[in-house]
Amino acid sequence: MEKPIELGCYYVNPSVSNNCVYTFLLRNAYKRFEQETDETEEIEIMTYDFEQIEDLIGHGEITQLFSISAILMAKNYINTVIENG
């Protein structure tokens, strides 16, 4: 895996909170270990090609705002920085 690329730190609602959500792009990431969860956790990990993500958002399969924002920031970074050198 390459070094993580920080895409930014963004505030949920700066008028009432100072919590910042950091967003990173990980390129060439891969699974090295099985996840160890607590007994009560039910987590399903799914993988998709990056090109499929906008369709998943459009069909309401990805609805979490931070995830959608991160996906759009990553796409913008890839299109402007990586592909255009």
PDB file of N, CA and C in Angstrom:
ATOM      1  N   MET A   1       0.845  -1.178   0.000  1.00  0.00           N
ATOM      2  CA  MET A   1       0.000   0.000   0.000  1.00  0.00           C
ATOM      3  C   MET A   1       0.887   1.236   0.000  1.00  0.00           C
ATOM      4  N   GLU A   2       0.475   2.216  -0.756  1.00  0.00           N
ATOM      5  CA  GLU A   2       1.182   3.481  -0.791  1.00  0.00           C
ATOM      6  C   GLU A   2       0.840   4.304   0.447  1.00  0.00           C
ATOM      7  N   LYS A   3       1.608   5.350   0.671  1.00  0.00           N
ATOM      8  CA  LYS A   3       1.366   6.247   1.807  1.00  0.00           C
ATOM      9  C   LYS A   3      -0.011   6.889   1.661  1.00  0.00           C
ATOM     10  N   PRO A   4      -0.805   6.946   2.741  1.00  0.00           N
ATOM     11  CA  PRO A   4      -2.124   7.581   2.674  1.00  0.00           C
ATOM     12  C   PRO A   4      -2.008   9.048   2.271  1.00  0.00           C
ATOM     13  N   ILE A   5      -2.971   9.515   1.484  1.00  0.00           N
ATOM     14  CA  ILE A   5      -3.013  10.897   1.020  1.00  0.00           C
ATOM     15  C   ILE A   5      -4.130  11.600   1.780  1.00  0.00           C
ATOM     16  N   GLU A   6      -3.781  12.616   2.550  1.00  0.00           N
ATOM     17  CA  GLU A   6      -4.812  13.354   3.282  1.00  0.00           C
ATOM     18  C   GLU A   6      -5.545  14.275   2.318  1.00  0.00           C
ATOM     19  N   LEU A   7      -6.853  14.114   2.243  1.00  0.00           N
ATOM     20  CA  LEU A   7      -7.673  14.936   1.365  1.00  0.00           C
ATOM     21  C   LEU A   7      -8.228  16.152   2.082  1.00  0.00           C
ATOM     22  N   GLY A   8      -8.221  16.122   3.396  1.00  0.00           N
ATOM     23  CA  GLY A   8      -8.672  17.290   4.146  1.00  0.00           C
ATOM     24  C   GLY A   8      -9.301  16.944   5.471  1.00  0.00           C
ATOM     25  N   CYS A   9      -9.576  17.999   6.217  1.00  0.00           N
ATOM     26  CA  CYS A   9     -10.255  17.898   7.507  1.00  0.00           C
ATOM     27  C   CYS A   9     -11.479  18.792   7.411  1.00  0.00           C
ATOM     28  N   TYR A  10     -12.649  18.229   7.646  1.00  0.00           N
ATOM     29  CA  TYR A  10     -13.886  18.969   7.450  1.00  0.00           C
ATOM     30  C   TYR A  10     -14.767  18.857   8.686  1.00  0.00           C
ATOM     31  N   TYR A  11     -15.442  19.946   8.996  1.00  0.00           N
ATOM     32  CA  TYR A  11     -16.262  20.018  10.196  1.00  0.00           C
ATOM     33  C   TYR A  11     -17.706  19.618   9.900  1.00  0.00           C
ATOM     34  N   VAL A  12     -18.281  18.888  10.836  1.00  0.00           N
ATOM     35  CA  VAL A  12     -19.661  18.434  10.701  1.00  0.00           C
ATOM     36  C   VAL A  12     -20.605  19.632  10.779  1.00  0.00           C
ATOM     37  N   ASN A  13     -20.466  20.408  11.817  1.00  0.00           N
ATOM     38  CA  ASN A  13     -21.277  21.608  12.004  1.00  0.00           C
ATOM     39  C   ASN A  13     -20.476  22.556  12.892  1.00  0.00           C
ATOM     40  N   PRO A  14     -19.637  23.413  12.307  1.00  0.00           N
ATOM     41  CA  PRO A  14     -18.743  24.247  13.110  1.00  0.00           C
ATOM     42  C   PRO A  14     -19.450  25.246  14.018  1.00  0.00           C
ATOM     43  N   SER A  15     -20.738  25.472  13.814  1.00  0.00           N
ATOM     44  CA  SER A  15     -21.445  26.406  14.696  1.00  0.00           C
ATOM     45  C   SER A  15     -21.740  25.790  16.062  1.00  0.00           C
ATOM     46  N   VAL A  16     -21.744  24.462  16.144  1.00  0.00           N
ATOM     47  CA  VAL A  16     -22.062  23.808  17.420  1.00  0.00           C
ATOM     48  C   VAL A  16     -21.000  22.807  17.866  1.00  0.00           C
ATOM     49  N   SER A  17     -20.020  22.519  17.015  1.00  0.00           N
ATOM     50  CA  SER A  17     -19.041  21.481  17.352  1.00  0.00           C
ATOM     51  C   SER A  17     -17.706  21.798  16.694  1.00  0.00           C
ATOM     52  N   ASN A  18     -16.639  21.367  17.340  1.00  0.00           N
ATOM     53  CA  ASN A  18     -15.320  21.544  16.735  1.00  0.00           C
ATOM     54  C   ASN A  18     -14.719  20.202  16.306  1.00  0.00           C
ATOM     55  N   ASN A  19     -15.574  19.196  16.155  1.00  0.00           N
ATOM     56  CA  ASN A  19     -15.116  17.889  15.684  1.00  0.00           C
ATOM     57  C   ASN A  19     -14.780  17.968  14.198  1.00  0.00           C
ATOM     58  N   CYS A  20     -13.616  17.462  13.849  1.00  0.00           N
ATOM     59  CA  CYS A  20     -13.168  17.495  12.462  1.00  0.00           C
ATOM     60  C   CYS A  20     -13.094  16.059  11.935  1.00  0.00           C
ATOM     61  N   VAL A  21     -13.619  15.842  10.751  1.00  0.00           N
ATOM     62  CA  VAL A  21     -13.564  14.530  10.114  1.00  0.00           C
ATOM     63  C   VAL A  21     -12.411  14.555   9.113  1.00  0.00           C
ATOM     64  N   TYR A  22     -11.395  13.755   9.369  1.00  0.00           N
ATOM     65  CA  TYR A  22     -10.247  13.667   8.461  1.00  0.00           C
ATOM     66  C   TYR A  22     -10.564  12.655   7.368  1.00  0.00           C
ATOM     67  N   THR A  23     -10.209  12.996   6.144  1.00  0.00           N
ATOM     68  CA  THR A  23     -10.478  12.128   5.006  1.00  0.00           C
ATOM     69  C   THR A  23      -9.169  11.805   4.309  1.00  0.00           C
ATOM     70  N   PHE A  24      -8.930  10.515   4.064  1.00  0.00           N
ATOM     71  CA  PHE A  24      -7.705  10.047   3.418  1.00  0.00           C
ATOM     72  C   PHE A  24      -8.049   9.199   2.206  1.00  0.00           C
ATOM     73  N   LEU A  25      -7.177   9.228   1.231  1.00  0.00           N
ATOM     74  CA  LEU A  25      -7.260   8.349   0.074  1.00  0.00           C
ATOM     75  C   LEU A  25      -6.159   7.307   0.210  1.00  0.00           C
ATOM     76  N   LEU A  26      -6.544   6.032   0.167  1.00  0.00           N
ATOM     77  CA  LEU A  26      -5.575   4.938   0.219  1.00  0.00           C
ATOM     78  C   LEU A  26      -5.529   4.282  -1.147  1.00  0.00           C
ATOM     79  N   ARG A  27      -4.361   4.305  -1.755  1.00  0.00           N
ATOM     80  CA  ARG A  27      -4.204   3.711  -3.086  1.00  0.00           C
ATOM     81  C   ARG A  27      -3.505   2.365  -2.952  1.00  0.00           C
ATOM     82  N   ASN A  28      -3.927   1.426  -3.774  1.00  0.00           N
ATOM     83  CA  ASN A  28      -3.342   0.084  -3.798  1.00  0.00           C
ATOM     84  C   ASN A  28      -3.419  -0.611  -2.439  1.00  0.00           C
ATOM     85  N   ALA A  29      -4.515  -0.381  -1.721  1.00  0.00           N
ATOM     86  CA  ALA A  29      -4.724  -1.038  -0.432  1.00  0.00           C
ATOM     87  C   ALA A  29      -5.125  -2.491  -0.655  1.00  0.00           C
ATOM     88  N   TYR A  30      -4.858  -3.316   0.305  1.00  0.00           N
ATOM     89  CA  TYR A  30      -5.212  -4.723   0.216  1.00  0.00           C
ATOM     90  C   TYR A  30      -5.475  -5.267   1.608  1.00  0.00           C
ATOM     91  N   LYS A  31      -6.200  -6.357   1.684  1.00  0.00           N
ATOM     92  CA  LYS A  31      -6.546  -6.985   2.953  1.00  0.00           C
ATOM     93  C   LYS A  31      -5.402  -7.888   3.390  1.00  0.00           C
ATOM     94  N   ARG A  32      -4.887  -7.639   4.579  1.00  0.00           N
ATOM     95  CA  ARG A  32      -3.793  -8.453   5.110  1.00  0.00           C
ATOM     96  C   ARG A  32      -4.260  -9.431   6.177  1.00  0.00           C
ATOM     97  N   PHE A  33      -5.301  -9.075   6.920  1.00  0.00           N
ATOM     98  CA  PHE A  33      -5.762  -9.887   8.040  1.00  0.00           C
ATOM     99  C   PHE A  33      -7.281  -9.899   8.070  1.00  0.00           C
ATOM    100  N   GLU A  34      -7.839 -10.909   8.722  1.00  0.00           N
ATOM    101  CA  GLU A  34      -9.266 -10.923   8.998  1.00  0.00           C
ATOM    102  C   GLU A  34      -9.533  -9.926  10.112  1.00  0.00           C
ATOM    103  N   GLN A  35     -10.691  -9.299  10.069  1.00  0.00           N
ATOM    104  CA  GLN A  35     -11.061  -8.336  11.089  1.00  0.00           C
ATOM    105  C   GLN A  35     -11.477  -9.054  12.360  1.00  0.00           C
ATOM    106  N   GLU A  36     -11.052  -8.536  13.505  1.00  0.00           N
ATOM    107  CA  GLU A  36     -11.448  -9.083  14.799  1.00  0.00           C
ATOM    108  C   GLU A  36     -12.507  -8.163  15.387  1.00  0.00           C
ATOM    109  N   THR A  37     -13.720  -8.649  15.487  1.00  0.00           N
ATOM    110  CA  THR A  37     -14.822  -7.834  15.991  1.00  0.00           C
ATOM    111  C   THR A  37     -15.257  -8.310  17.370  1.00  0.00           C
ATOM    112  N   ASP A  38     -15.996  -7.458  18.058  1.00  0.00           N
ATOM    113  CA  ASP A  38     -16.600  -7.854  19.326  1.00  0.00           C
ATOM    114  C   ASP A  38     -17.735  -8.827  19.038  1.00  0.00           C
ATOM    115  N   GLU A  39     -18.137  -9.592  20.043  1.00  0.00           N
ATOM    116  CA  GLU A  39     -19.180 -10.603  19.863  1.00  0.00           C
ATOM    117  C   GLU A  39     -20.485 -10.011  19.347  1.00  0.00           C
ATOM    118  N   THR A  40     -20.800  -8.776  19.741  1.00  0.00           N
ATOM    119  CA  THR A  40     -22.071  -8.178  19.355  1.00  0.00           C
ATOM    120  C   THR A  40     -22.008  -7.409  18.030  1.00  0.00           C
ATOM    121  N   GLU A  41     -20.824  -7.282  17.464  1.00  0.00           N
ATOM    122  CA  GLU A  41     -20.685  -6.538  16.209  1.00  0.00           C
ATOM    123  C   GLU A  41     -21.035  -7.415  15.008  1.00  0.00           C
ATOM    124  N   GLU A  42     -21.779  -6.835  14.109  1.00  0.00           N
ATOM    125  CA  GLU A  42     -22.087  -7.493  12.846  1.00  0.00           C
ATOM    126  C   GLU A  42     -21.649  -6.556  11.733  1.00  0.00           C
ATOM    127  N   ILE A  43     -20.479  -6.800  11.185  1.00  0.00           N
ATOM    128  CA  ILE A  43     -19.917  -5.935  10.160  1.00  0.00           C
ATOM    129  C   ILE A  43     -19.691  -6.747   8.897  1.00  0.00           C
ATOM    130  N   GLU A  44     -20.205  -6.238   7.799  1.00  0.00           N
ATOM    131  CA  GLU A  44     -20.003  -6.884   6.506  1.00  0.00           C
ATOM    132  C   GLU A  44     -19.129  -5.970   5.651  1.00  0.00           C
ATOM    133  N   ILE A  45     -18.004  -6.480   5.206  1.00  0.00           N
ATOM    134  CA  ILE A  45     -17.098  -5.711   4.360  1.00  0.00           C
ATOM    135  C   ILE A  45     -17.356  -6.115   2.915  1.00  0.00           C
ATOM    136  N   MET A  46     -17.603  -5.101   2.090  1.00  0.00           N
ATOM    137  CA  MET A  46     -17.869  -5.350   0.680  1.00  0.00           C
ATOM    138  C   MET A  46     -16.880  -4.526  -0.139  1.00  0.00           C
ATOM    139  N   THR A  47     -16.422  -5.072  -1.240  1.00  0.00           N
ATOM    140  CA  THR A  47     -15.501  -4.345  -2.095  1.00  0.00           C
ATOM    141  C   THR A  47     -16.139  -4.116  -3.462  1.00  0.00           C
ATOM    142  N   TYR A  48     -15.834  -2.954  -4.036  1.00  0.00           N
ATOM    143  CA  TYR A  48     -16.361  -2.570  -5.334  1.00  0.00           C
ATOM    144  C   TYR A  48     -15.257  -1.893  -6.134  1.00  0.00           C
ATOM    145  N   ASP A  49     -15.389  -1.952  -7.441  1.00  0.00           N
ATOM    146  CA  ASP A  49     -14.529  -1.150  -8.293  1.00  0.00           C
ATOM    147  C   ASP A  49     -14.932   0.303  -8.092  1.00  0.00           C
ATOM    148  N   PHE A  50     -13.947   1.195  -8.124  1.00  0.00           N
ATOM    149  CA  PHE A  50     -14.215   2.607  -7.883  1.00  0.00           C
ATOM    150  C   PHE A  50     -15.249   3.149  -8.874  1.00  0.00           C
ATOM    151  N   GLU A  51     -15.250   2.626 -10.080  1.00  0.00           N
ATOM    152  CA  GLU A  51     -16.175   3.091 -11.107  1.00  0.00           C
ATOM    153  C   GLU A  51     -17.636   2.779 -10.762  1.00  0.00           C
ATOM    154  N   GLN A  52     -17.876   1.791  -9.903  1.00  0.00           N
ATOM    155  CA  GLN A  52     -19.239   1.389  -9.527  1.00  0.00           C
ATOM    156  C   GLN A  52     -19.842   2.287  -8.449  1.00  0.00           C
ATOM    157  N   ILE A  53     -19.014   3.042  -7.759  1.00  0.00           N
ATOM    158  CA  ILE A  53     -19.456   3.749  -6.563  1.00  0.00           C
ATOM    159  C   ILE A  53     -20.545   4.777  -6.854  1.00  0.00           C
ATOM    160  N   GLU A  54     -20.406   5.561  -7.929  1.00  0.00           N
ATOM    161  CA  GLU A  54     -21.432   6.567  -8.225  1.00  0.00           C
ATOM    162  C   GLU A  54     -22.790   5.927  -8.470  1.00  0.00           C
ATOM    163  N   ASP A  55     -22.808   4.766  -9.106  1.00  0.00           N
ATOM    164  CA  ASP A  55     -24.076   4.057  -9.300  1.00  0.00           C
ATOM    165  C   ASP A  55     -24.677   3.648  -7.961  1.00  0.00           C
ATOM    166  N   LEU A  56     -23.843   3.199  -7.035  1.00  0.00           N
ATOM    167  CA  LEU A  56     -24.341   2.806  -5.709  1.00  0.00           C
ATOM    168  C   LEU A  56     -24.919   4.004  -4.973  1.00  0.00           C
ATOM    169  N   ILE A  57     -24.274   5.156  -5.107  1.00  0.00           N
ATOM    170  CA  ILE A  57     -24.806   6.379  -4.490  1.00  0.00           C
ATOM    171  C   ILE A  57     -26.131   6.745  -5.151  1.00  0.00           C
ATOM    172  N   GLY A  58     -26.170   6.726  -6.472  1.00  0.00           N
ATOM    173  CA  GLY A  58     -27.378   7.092  -7.211  1.00  0.00           C
ATOM    174  C   GLY A  58     -28.560   6.193  -6.934  1.00  0.00           C
ATOM    175  N   HIS A  59     -28.280   4.922  -6.625  1.00  0.00           N
ATOM    176  CA  HIS A  59     -29.360   3.974  -6.330  1.00  0.00           C
ATOM    177  C   HIS A  59     -29.683   3.895  -4.838  1.00  0.00           C
ATOM    178  N   GLY A  60     -29.077   4.778  -4.039  1.00  0.00           N
ATOM    179  CA  GLY A  60     -29.375   4.817  -2.615  1.00  0.00           C
ATOM    180  C   GLY A  60     -28.761   3.697  -1.802  1.00  0.00           C
ATOM    181  N   GLU A  61     -27.757   3.024  -2.350  1.00  0.00           N
ATOM    182  CA  GLU A  61     -27.108   1.942  -1.607  1.00  0.00           C
ATOM    183  C   GLU A  61     -25.998   2.465  -0.694  1.00  0.00           C
ATOM    184  N   ILE A  62     -25.460   3.636  -1.006  1.00  0.00           N
ATOM    185  CA  ILE A  62     -24.538   4.334  -0.107  1.00  0.00           C
ATOM    186  C   ILE A  62     -25.232   5.638   0.244  1.00  0.00           C
ATOM    187  N   THR A  63     -25.533   5.839   1.546  1.00  0.00           N
ATOM    188  CA  THR A  63     -26.312   6.996   1.957  1.00  0.00           C
ATOM    189  C   THR A  63     -25.640   7.827   3.048  1.00  0.00           C
ATOM    190  N   GLN A  64     -24.536   7.379   3.574  1.00  0.00           N
ATOM    191  CA  GLN A  64     -23.877   8.085   4.663  1.00  0.00           C
ATOM    192  C   GLN A  64     -23.092   9.259   4.090  1.00  0.00           C
ATOM    193  N   LEU A  65     -23.390  10.479   4.568  1.00  0.00           N
ATOM    194  CA  LEU A  65     -22.857  11.697   3.981  1.00  0.00           C
ATOM    195  C   LEU A  65     -21.331  11.760   4.012  1.00  0.00           C
ATOM    196  N   PHE A  66     -20.697  11.363   5.109  1.00  0.00           N
ATOM    197  CA  PHE A  66     -19.234  11.414   5.169  1.00  0.00           C
ATOM    198  C   PHE A  66     -18.620  10.486   4.129  1.00  0.00           C
ATOM    199  N   SER A  67     -19.234   9.335   3.930  1.00  0.00           N
ATOM    200  CA  SER A  67     -18.727   8.396   2.919  1.00  0.00           C
ATOM    201  C   SER A  67     -18.859   8.985   1.522  1.00  0.00           C
ATOM    202  N   ILE A  68     -20.003   9.575   1.231  1.00  0.00           N
ATOM    203  CA  ILE A  68     -20.224  10.162  -0.090  1.00  0.00           C
ATOM    204  C   ILE A  68     -19.257  11.318  -0.320  1.00  0.00           C
ATOM    205  N   SER A  69     -19.067  12.157   0.678  1.00  0.00           N
ATOM    206  CA  SER A  69     -18.119  13.267   0.553  1.00  0.00           C
ATOM    207  C   SER A  69     -16.710  12.754   0.300  1.00  0.00           C
ATOM    208  N   ALA A  70     -16.306  11.723   1.029  1.00  0.00           N
ATOM    209  CA  ALA A  70     -14.970  11.156   0.852  1.00  0.00           C
ATOM    210  C   ALA A  70     -14.794  10.577  -0.548  1.00  0.00           C
ATOM    211  N   ILE A  71     -15.823   9.914  -1.044  1.00  0.00           N
ATOM    212  CA  ILE A  71     -15.764   9.331  -2.385  1.00  0.00           C
ATOM    213  C   ILE A  71     -15.602  10.436  -3.436  1.00  0.00           C
ATOM    214  N   LEU A  72     -16.372  11.499  -3.310  1.00  0.00           N
ATOM    215  CA  LEU A  72     -16.284  12.595  -4.273  1.00  0.00           C
ATOM    216  C   LEU A  72     -14.937  13.312  -4.187  1.00  0.00           C
ATOM    217  N   MET A  73     -14.408  13.485  -2.979  1.00  0.00           N
ATOM    218  CA  MET A  73     -13.080  14.100  -2.832  1.00  0.00           C
ATOM    219  C   MET A  73     -12.007  13.218  -3.448  1.00  0.00           C
ATOM    220  N   ALA A  74     -12.105  11.913  -3.239  1.00  0.00           N
ATOM    221  CA  ALA A  74     -11.136  10.980  -3.814  1.00  0.00           C
ATOM    222  C   ALA A  74     -11.207  11.011  -5.336  1.00  0.00           C
ATOM    223  N   LYS A  75     -12.420  11.015  -5.871  1.00  0.00           N
ATOM    224  CA  LYS A  75     -12.584  11.064  -7.324  1.00  0.00           C
ATOM    225  C   LYS A  75     -11.979  12.343  -7.887  1.00  0.00           C
ATOM    226  N   ASN A  76     -12.233  13.465  -7.244  1.00  0.00           N
ATOM    227  CA  ASN A  76     -11.680  14.737  -7.685  1.00  0.00           C
ATOM    228  C   ASN A  76     -10.151  14.711  -7.635  1.00  0.00           C
ATOM    229  N   TYR A  77      -9.594  14.177  -6.561  1.00  0.00           N
ATOM    230  CA  TYR A  77      -8.134  14.090  -6.435  1.00  0.00           C
ATOM    231  C   TYR A  77      -7.555  13.225  -7.555  1.00  0.00           C
ATOM    232  N   ILE A  78      -8.155  12.094  -7.789  1.00  0.00           N
ATOM    233  CA  ILE A  78      -7.668  11.189  -8.835  1.00  0.00           C
ATOM    234  C   ILE A  78      -7.745  11.867 -10.205  1.00  0.00           C
ATOM    235  N   ASN A  79      -8.862  12.531 -10.486  1.00  0.00           N
ATOM    236  CA  ASN A  79      -9.045  13.166 -11.797  1.00  0.00           C
ATOM    237  C   ASN A  79      -8.134  14.368 -12.007  1.00  0.00           C
ATOM    238  N   THR A  80      -7.879  15.148 -10.972  1.00  0.00           N
ATOM    239  CA  THR A  80      -7.113  16.378 -11.149  1.00  0.00           C
ATOM    240  C   THR A  80      -5.626  16.224 -10.878  1.00  0.00           C
ATOM    241  N   VAL A  81      -5.264  15.429  -9.884  1.00  0.00           N
ATOM    242  CA  VAL A  81      -3.859  15.336  -9.486  1.00  0.00           C
ATOM    243  C   VAL A  81      -3.154  14.145 -10.113  1.00  0.00           C
ATOM    244  N   ILE A  82      -3.742  12.981 -10.001  1.00  0.00           N
ATOM    245  CA  ILE A  82      -3.072  11.762 -10.444  1.00  0.00           C
ATOM    246  C   ILE A  82      -3.107  11.634 -11.964  1.00  0.00           C
ATOM    247  N   GLU A  83      -4.301  11.732 -12.551  1.00  0.00           N
ATOM    248  CA  GLU A  83      -4.417  11.520 -13.990  1.00  0.00           C
ATOM    249  C   GLU A  83      -3.820  12.660 -14.815  1.00  0.00           C
ATOM    250  N   ASN A  84      -3.825  13.877 -14.265  1.00  0.00           N
ATOM    251  CA  ASN A  84      -3.287  15.017 -15.010  1.00  0.00           C
ATOM    252  C   ASN A  84      -1.849  15.345 -14.614  1.00  0.00           C
ATOM    253  N   GLY A  85      -1.282  14.510 -13.737  1.00  0.00           N
ATOM    254  CA  GLY A  85       0.110  14.648 -13.343  1.00  0.00           C
ATOM    255  C   GLY A  85       0.393  15.878 -12.585  1.00  0.00           C
TER     256      GLY A  85
END
